[in-house]
Amino acid sequence: MNPSSIVQQQYSELLQAVTDAKPSLAEVERCAQLIADVLQAGGKVLTAGNGGSAADALHLSEELVGRYKNNRRALPAIALTADATALTCIGNDFGFDQIFSRQVEALGASGDVLVLFTSSGNSQNLILALQAAKSRGVRTVALLGRGGGKLKGLADIEWIVPSSIGARVQELQTWALHVILEVVEDRLLS
């Protein structure tokens, strides 16, 4: 394929994913409302994901602590993907599957929310993190792709990007996290 064909193919895939997502936009709103509710009530946001999804988890947390569009008070958010010492300690001592669940046990409290990003929905470390969250009374939001995988139906609220292409899933999840941030800022500034 030449570069022009690749660009056209990628663009067509993105347009299709956006079109296919339209019927599920209410789920994005529900995710945003829950996160805004938690923050408004004084809870904190924990985020997690692997690989590119770890970058999305970091992105959501840093925008909450810093700002998205508007100057406002800092909001409590922790990306469980960010602490290399915790990740390597837990991975070494307990195994990779527990790198997030141990942190949820340490940092999560009733009234908080755990937001998971995954394009497959099949990562055992995210499944265990969700289970740890539920056992501590932490609400859960999952942004999923490729049909939802093993995480489908386990979170309090989920949005499944209707695409089997990982890149398209991540692109729409980035869009969703920006929507979440906009809803949070709108709610907390009004």
C-alpha atoms as a PDB file:
ATOM      1  CA  MET A   1       0.000   0.000   0.000  1.00  0.00           C
ATOM      2  CA  ASN A   2       1.173   3.505  -0.667  1.00  0.00           C
ATOM      3  CA  PRO A   3       0.889   6.252   2.010  1.00  0.00           C
ATOM      4  CA  SER A   4      -2.159   7.791   0.356  1.00  0.00           C
ATOM      5  CA  SER A   5      -4.018   4.462   0.482  1.00  0.00           C
ATOM      6  CA  ILE A   6      -3.087   3.998   4.128  1.00  0.00           C
ATOM      7  CA  VAL A   7      -4.369   7.475   4.995  1.00  0.00           C
ATOM      8  CA  GLN A   8      -7.652   6.844   3.161  1.00  0.00           C
ATOM      9  CA  GLN A   9      -8.107   3.421   4.792  1.00  0.00           C
ATOM     10  CA  GLN A  10      -7.403   4.756   8.285  1.00  0.00           C
ATOM     11  CA  TYR A  11      -9.772   7.683   7.721  1.00  0.00           C
ATOM     12  CA  SER A  12     -12.540   5.389   6.460  1.00  0.00           C
ATOM     13  CA  GLU A  13     -12.124   3.112   9.483  1.00  0.00           C
ATOM     14  CA  LEU A  14     -12.323   6.088  11.831  1.00  0.00           C
ATOM     15  CA  LEU A  15     -15.469   7.443  10.155  1.00  0.00           C
ATOM     16  CA  GLN A  16     -17.075   4.010  10.395  1.00  0.00           C
ATOM     17  CA  ALA A  17     -16.193   3.690  14.082  1.00  0.00           C
ATOM     18  CA  VAL A  18     -17.612   7.157  14.814  1.00  0.00           C
ATOM     19  CA  THR A  19     -20.820   6.324  12.928  1.00  0.00           C
ATOM     20  CA  ASP A  20     -21.159   2.975  14.682  1.00  0.00           C
ATOM     21  CA  ALA A  21     -20.661   4.618  18.089  1.00  0.00           C
ATOM     22  CA  LYS A  22     -23.614   6.996  17.786  1.00  0.00           C
ATOM     23  CA  PRO A  23     -26.237   4.613  19.260  1.00  0.00           C
ATOM     24  CA  SER A  24     -24.138   4.143  22.410  1.00  0.00           C
ATOM     25  CA  LEU A  25     -23.412   7.793  23.243  1.00  0.00           C
ATOM     26  CA  ALA A  26     -25.754   7.636  26.245  1.00  0.00           C
ATOM     27  CA  GLU A  27     -23.250   5.259  27.862  1.00  0.00           C
ATOM     28  CA  VAL A  28     -20.476   7.844  27.499  1.00  0.00           C
ATOM     29  CA  GLU A  29     -22.766  10.336  29.221  1.00  0.00           C
ATOM     30  CA  ARG A  30     -23.428   7.863  32.047  1.00  0.00           C
ATOM     31  CA  CYS A  31     -19.669   7.339  32.514  1.00  0.00           C
ATOM     32  CA  ALA A  32     -19.096  11.091  32.651  1.00  0.00           C
ATOM     33  CA  GLN A  33     -21.984  11.663  35.070  1.00  0.00           C
ATOM     34  CA  LEU A  34     -20.732   8.992  37.483  1.00  0.00           C
ATOM     35  CA  ILE A  35     -17.198  10.416  37.502  1.00  0.00           C
ATOM     36  CA  ALA A  36     -18.569  13.940  38.020  1.00  0.00           C
ATOM     37  CA  ASP A  37     -20.823  12.665  40.834  1.00  0.00           C
ATOM     38  CA  VAL A  38     -17.855  11.050  42.607  1.00  0.00           C
ATOM     39  CA  LEU A  39     -15.715  14.171  42.338  1.00  0.00           C
ATOM     40  CA  GLN A  40     -18.549  16.459  43.405  1.00  0.00           C
ATOM     41  CA  ALA A  41     -19.085  14.288  46.488  1.00  0.00           C
ATOM     42  CA  GLY A  42     -15.402  14.500  47.459  1.00  0.00           C
ATOM     43  CA  GLY A  43     -14.229  11.143  46.138  1.00  0.00           C
ATOM     44  CA  LYS A  44     -11.223  10.499  43.948  1.00  0.00           C
ATOM     45  CA  VAL A  45     -10.634   8.940  40.548  1.00  0.00           C
ATOM     46  CA  LEU A  46      -8.251   6.021  40.080  1.00  0.00           C
ATOM     47  CA  THR A  47      -7.328   5.112  36.502  1.00  0.00           C
ATOM     48  CA  ALA A  48      -5.624   2.096  34.926  1.00  0.00           C
ATOM     49  CA  GLY A  49      -4.780   0.548  31.582  1.00  0.00           C
ATOM     50  CA  ASN A  50      -1.960  -1.257  29.790  1.00  0.00           C
ATOM     51  CA  GLY A  51       0.221   0.047  26.964  1.00  0.00           C
ATOM     52  CA  GLY A  52      -1.580   2.732  24.958  1.00  0.00           C
ATOM     53  CA  SER A  53      -4.475   2.439  27.386  1.00  0.00           C
ATOM     54  CA  ALA A  54      -2.053   3.295  30.206  1.00  0.00           C
ATOM     55  CA  ALA A  55      -1.412   6.540  28.342  1.00  0.00           C
ATOM     56  CA  ASP A  56      -5.170   7.218  28.317  1.00  0.00           C
ATOM     57  CA  ALA A  57      -5.332   6.487  32.056  1.00  0.00           C
ATOM     58  CA  LEU A  58      -2.508   8.972  32.621  1.00  0.00           C
ATOM     59  CA  HIS A  59      -4.188  11.504  30.341  1.00  0.00           C
ATOM     60  CA  LEU A  60      -7.474  11.480  32.262  1.00  0.00           C
ATOM     61  CA  SER A  61      -5.753  11.749  35.640  1.00  0.00           C
ATOM     62  CA  GLU A  62      -3.395  14.563  34.691  1.00  0.00           C
ATOM     63  CA  GLU A  63      -6.220  16.635  33.222  1.00  0.00           C
ATOM     64  CA  LEU A  64      -8.264  16.224  36.421  1.00  0.00           C
ATOM     65  CA  VAL A  65      -5.377  17.203  38.681  1.00  0.00           C
ATOM     66  CA  GLY A  66      -4.259  19.995  36.358  1.00  0.00           C
ATOM     67  CA  ARG A  67      -6.987  21.318  34.128  1.00  0.00           C
ATOM     68  CA  TYR A  68      -8.722  20.533  30.880  1.00  0.00           C
ATOM     69  CA  LYS A  69     -10.101  23.823  29.551  1.00  0.00           C
ATOM     70  CA  ASN A  70     -10.866  25.935  32.580  1.00  0.00           C
ATOM     71  CA  ASN A  71      -8.988  27.057  35.662  1.00  0.00           C
ATOM     72  CA  ARG A  72     -10.604  25.355  38.629  1.00  0.00           C
ATOM     73  CA  ARG A  73      -9.573  23.595  41.794  1.00  0.00           C
ATOM     74  CA  ALA A  74      -7.356  20.548  41.386  1.00  0.00           C
ATOM     75  CA  LEU A  75      -9.364  17.331  41.415  1.00  0.00           C
ATOM     76  CA  PRO A  76      -8.107  14.155  43.099  1.00  0.00           C
ATOM     77  CA  ALA A  77      -7.033  11.589  40.517  1.00  0.00           C
ATOM     78  CA  ILE A  78      -4.323   8.932  40.543  1.00  0.00           C
ATOM     79  CA  ALA A  79      -3.111   7.009  37.511  1.00  0.00           C
ATOM     80  CA  LEU A  80      -2.203   3.558  38.806  1.00  0.00           C
ATOM     81  CA  THR A  81       0.004   3.194  35.745  1.00  0.00           C
ATOM     82  CA  ALA A  82       2.295   6.072  36.782  1.00  0.00           C
ATOM     83  CA  ASP A  83       4.366   4.774  39.694  1.00  0.00           C
ATOM     84  CA  ALA A  84       7.163   2.655  38.224  1.00  0.00           C
ATOM     85  CA  THR A  85       8.386   1.642  41.677  1.00  0.00           C
ATOM     86  CA  ALA A  86       4.962   0.347  42.739  1.00  0.00           C
ATOM     87  CA  LEU A  87       4.429  -1.427  39.417  1.00  0.00           C
ATOM     88  CA  THR A  88       7.799  -3.189  39.518  1.00  0.00           C
ATOM     89  CA  CYS A  89       7.600  -3.999  43.233  1.00  0.00           C
ATOM     90  CA  ILE A  90       4.118  -5.485  42.946  1.00  0.00           C
ATOM     91  CA  GLY A  91       4.940  -7.206  39.664  1.00  0.00           C
ATOM     92  CA  ASN A  92       8.066  -8.736  41.153  1.00  0.00           C
ATOM     93  CA  ASP A  93       6.566  -9.759  44.501  1.00  0.00           C
ATOM     94  CA  PHE A  94       3.002 -10.683  43.499  1.00  0.00           C
ATOM     95  CA  GLY A  95       2.943 -10.981  39.700  1.00  0.00           C
ATOM     96  CA  PHE A  96       1.886  -8.716  36.845  1.00  0.00           C
ATOM     97  CA  ASP A  97      -1.774  -9.652  37.272  1.00  0.00           C
ATOM     98  CA  GLN A  98      -1.879  -7.826  40.618  1.00  0.00           C
ATOM     99  CA  ILE A  99      -0.133  -4.549  39.695  1.00  0.00           C
ATOM    100  CA  PHE A 100      -3.389  -2.592  39.794  1.00  0.00           C
ATOM    101  CA  SER A 101      -5.450  -4.553  42.329  1.00  0.00           C
ATOM    102  CA  ARG A 102      -2.822  -4.043  45.061  1.00  0.00           C
ATOM    103  CA  GLN A 103      -2.882  -0.308  44.408  1.00  0.00           C
ATOM    104  CA  VAL A 104      -6.690  -0.261  44.508  1.00  0.00           C
ATOM    105  CA  GLU A 105      -6.511  -2.054  47.866  1.00  0.00           C
ATOM    106  CA  ALA A 106      -4.075   0.579  49.155  1.00  0.00           C
ATOM    107  CA  LEU A 107      -5.613   3.723  47.654  1.00  0.00           C
ATOM    108  CA  GLY A 108      -9.275   3.022  46.922  1.00  0.00           C
ATOM    109  CA  ALA A 109     -12.058   3.879  49.340  1.00  0.00           C
ATOM    110  CA  SER A 110     -15.819   3.821  49.292  1.00  0.00           C
ATOM    111  CA  GLY A 111     -16.984   6.862  47.353  1.00  0.00           C
ATOM    112  CA  ASP A 112     -14.132   6.688  44.816  1.00  0.00           C
ATOM    113  CA  VAL A 113     -14.297   5.516  41.203  1.00  0.00           C
ATOM    114  CA  LEU A 114     -11.919   3.301  39.216  1.00  0.00           C
ATOM    115  CA  VAL A 115     -11.799   4.051  35.487  1.00  0.00           C
ATOM    116  CA  LEU A 116     -10.373   1.294  33.286  1.00  0.00           C
ATOM    117  CA  PHE A 117      -9.173   1.729  29.711  1.00  0.00           C
ATOM    118  CA  THR A 118      -8.692  -1.339  27.515  1.00  0.00           C
ATOM    119  CA  SER A 119      -9.071  -2.027  23.830  1.00  0.00           C
ATOM    120  CA  SER A 120      -9.575  -5.772  24.375  1.00  0.00           C
ATOM    121  CA  GLY A 121     -11.270  -6.100  27.769  1.00  0.00           C
ATOM    122  CA  ASN A 122      -9.251  -9.227  28.490  1.00  0.00           C
ATOM    123  CA  SER A 123      -6.377  -8.058  30.707  1.00  0.00           C
ATOM    124  CA  GLN A 124      -6.331 -10.073  33.915  1.00  0.00           C
ATOM    125  CA  ASN A 125      -4.725  -7.204  35.843  1.00  0.00           C
ATOM    126  CA  LEU A 126      -7.709  -4.977  35.006  1.00  0.00           C
ATOM    127  CA  ILE A 127     -10.224  -7.680  35.908  1.00  0.00           C
ATOM    128  CA  LEU A 128      -8.546  -8.122  39.312  1.00  0.00           C
ATOM    129  CA  ALA A 129      -8.432  -4.342  39.809  1.00  0.00           C
ATOM    130  CA  LEU A 130     -12.169  -4.155  39.141  1.00  0.00           C
ATOM    131  CA  GLN A 131     -12.816  -6.961  41.623  1.00  0.00           C
ATOM    132  CA  ALA A 132     -10.662  -5.226  44.249  1.00  0.00           C
ATOM    133  CA  ALA A 133     -12.568  -2.002  43.649  1.00  0.00           C
ATOM    134  CA  LYS A 134     -15.938  -3.660  44.123  1.00  0.00           C
ATOM    135  CA  SER A 135     -14.779  -5.308  47.361  1.00  0.00           C
ATOM    136  CA  ARG A 136     -13.838  -1.855  48.726  1.00  0.00           C
ATOM    137  CA  GLY A 137     -17.031  -0.075  47.640  1.00  0.00           C
ATOM    138  CA  VAL A 138     -15.262   1.755  44.809  1.00  0.00           C
ATOM    139  CA  ARG A 139     -17.505   2.447  41.806  1.00  0.00           C
ATOM    140  CA  THR A 140     -16.232   1.248  38.412  1.00  0.00           C
ATOM    141  CA  VAL A 141     -16.251   2.578  34.863  1.00  0.00           C
ATOM    142  CA  ALA A 142     -14.820   0.594  31.951  1.00  0.00           C
ATOM    143  CA  LEU A 143     -14.039   1.990  28.519  1.00  0.00           C
ATOM    144  CA  LEU A 144     -13.790  -1.123  26.378  1.00  0.00           C
ATOM    145  CA  GLY A 145     -13.404  -2.204  22.783  1.00  0.00           C
ATOM    146  CA  ARG A 146     -13.633  -5.298  20.601  1.00  0.00           C
ATOM    147  CA  GLY A 147     -16.933  -6.437  22.079  1.00  0.00           C
ATOM    148  CA  GLY A 148     -15.894  -5.838  25.689  1.00  0.00           C
ATOM    149  CA  GLY A 149     -13.951  -9.043  26.269  1.00  0.00           C
ATOM    150  CA  LYS A 150     -13.971 -10.639  29.713  1.00  0.00           C
ATOM    151  CA  LEU A 151     -14.648  -7.283  31.377  1.00  0.00           C
ATOM    152  CA  LYS A 152     -17.965  -6.880  29.582  1.00  0.00           C
ATOM    153  CA  GLY A 153     -20.782  -6.542  32.093  1.00  0.00           C
ATOM    154  CA  LEU A 154     -18.533  -6.370  35.178  1.00  0.00           C
ATOM    155  CA  ALA A 155     -18.241  -2.588  35.684  1.00  0.00           C
ATOM    156  CA  ASP A 156     -20.970  -0.391  37.119  1.00  0.00           C
ATOM    157  CA  ILE A 157     -20.991   1.520  33.827  1.00  0.00           C
ATOM    158  CA  GLU A 158     -19.242   0.622  30.601  1.00  0.00           C
ATOM    159  CA  TRP A 159     -18.872   1.971  27.120  1.00  0.00           C
ATOM    160  CA  ILE A 160     -17.894  -0.500  24.445  1.00  0.00           C
ATOM    161  CA  VAL A 161     -16.429   1.171  21.377  1.00  0.00           C
ATOM    162  CA  PRO A 162     -18.043  -0.684  18.458  1.00  0.00           C
ATOM    163  CA  SER A 163     -14.834  -1.531  16.618  1.00  0.00           C
ATOM    164  CA  SER A 164     -12.519  -4.514  16.398  1.00  0.00           C
ATOM    165  CA  ILE A 165      -9.587  -2.312  15.377  1.00  0.00           C
ATOM    166  CA  GLY A 166      -7.424  -1.412  18.382  1.00  0.00           C
ATOM    167  CA  ALA A 167      -6.337   1.975  17.017  1.00  0.00           C
ATOM    168  CA  ARG A 168      -9.930   3.054  16.376  1.00  0.00           C
ATOM    169  CA  VAL A 169     -10.933   1.908  19.868  1.00  0.00           C
ATOM    170  CA  GLN A 170      -8.169   3.976  21.442  1.00  0.00           C
ATOM    171  CA  GLU A 171      -9.019   7.012  19.331  1.00  0.00           C
ATOM    172  CA  LEU A 172     -12.640   6.961  20.428  1.00  0.00           C
ATOM    173  CA  GLN A 173     -11.658   6.304  24.032  1.00  0.00           C
ATOM    174  CA  THR A 174      -9.531   9.455  23.889  1.00  0.00           C
ATOM    175  CA  TRP A 175     -12.579  11.310  22.571  1.00  0.00           C
ATOM    176  CA  ALA A 176     -14.645   9.867  25.461  1.00  0.00           C
ATOM    177  CA  LEU A 177     -12.125  10.965  28.077  1.00  0.00           C
ATOM    178  CA  HIS A 178     -12.295  14.500  26.674  1.00  0.00           C
ATOM    179  CA  VAL A 179     -16.100  14.357  26.935  1.00  0.00           C
ATOM    180  CA  ILE A 180     -15.759  13.171  30.536  1.00  0.00           C
ATOM    181  CA  LEU A 181     -13.454  16.083  31.320  1.00  0.00           C
ATOM    182  CA  GLU A 182     -15.818  18.576  29.717  1.00  0.00           C
ATOM    183  CA  VAL A 183     -18.785  17.234  31.733  1.00  0.00           C
ATOM    184  CA  VAL A 184     -16.766  17.291  34.958  1.00  0.00           C
ATOM    185  CA  GLU A 185     -15.605  20.859  34.436  1.00  0.00           C
ATOM    186  CA  ASP A 186     -19.057  22.017  33.397  1.00  0.00           C
ATOM    187  CA  ARG A 187     -20.617  20.447  36.495  1.00  0.00           C
ATOM    188  CA  LEU A 188     -17.986  21.623  38.961  1.00  0.00           C
ATOM    189  CA  LEU A 189     -17.877  25.177  37.619  1.00  0.00           C
ATOM    190  CA  SER A 190     -21.640  25.683  37.539  1.00  0.00           C
END
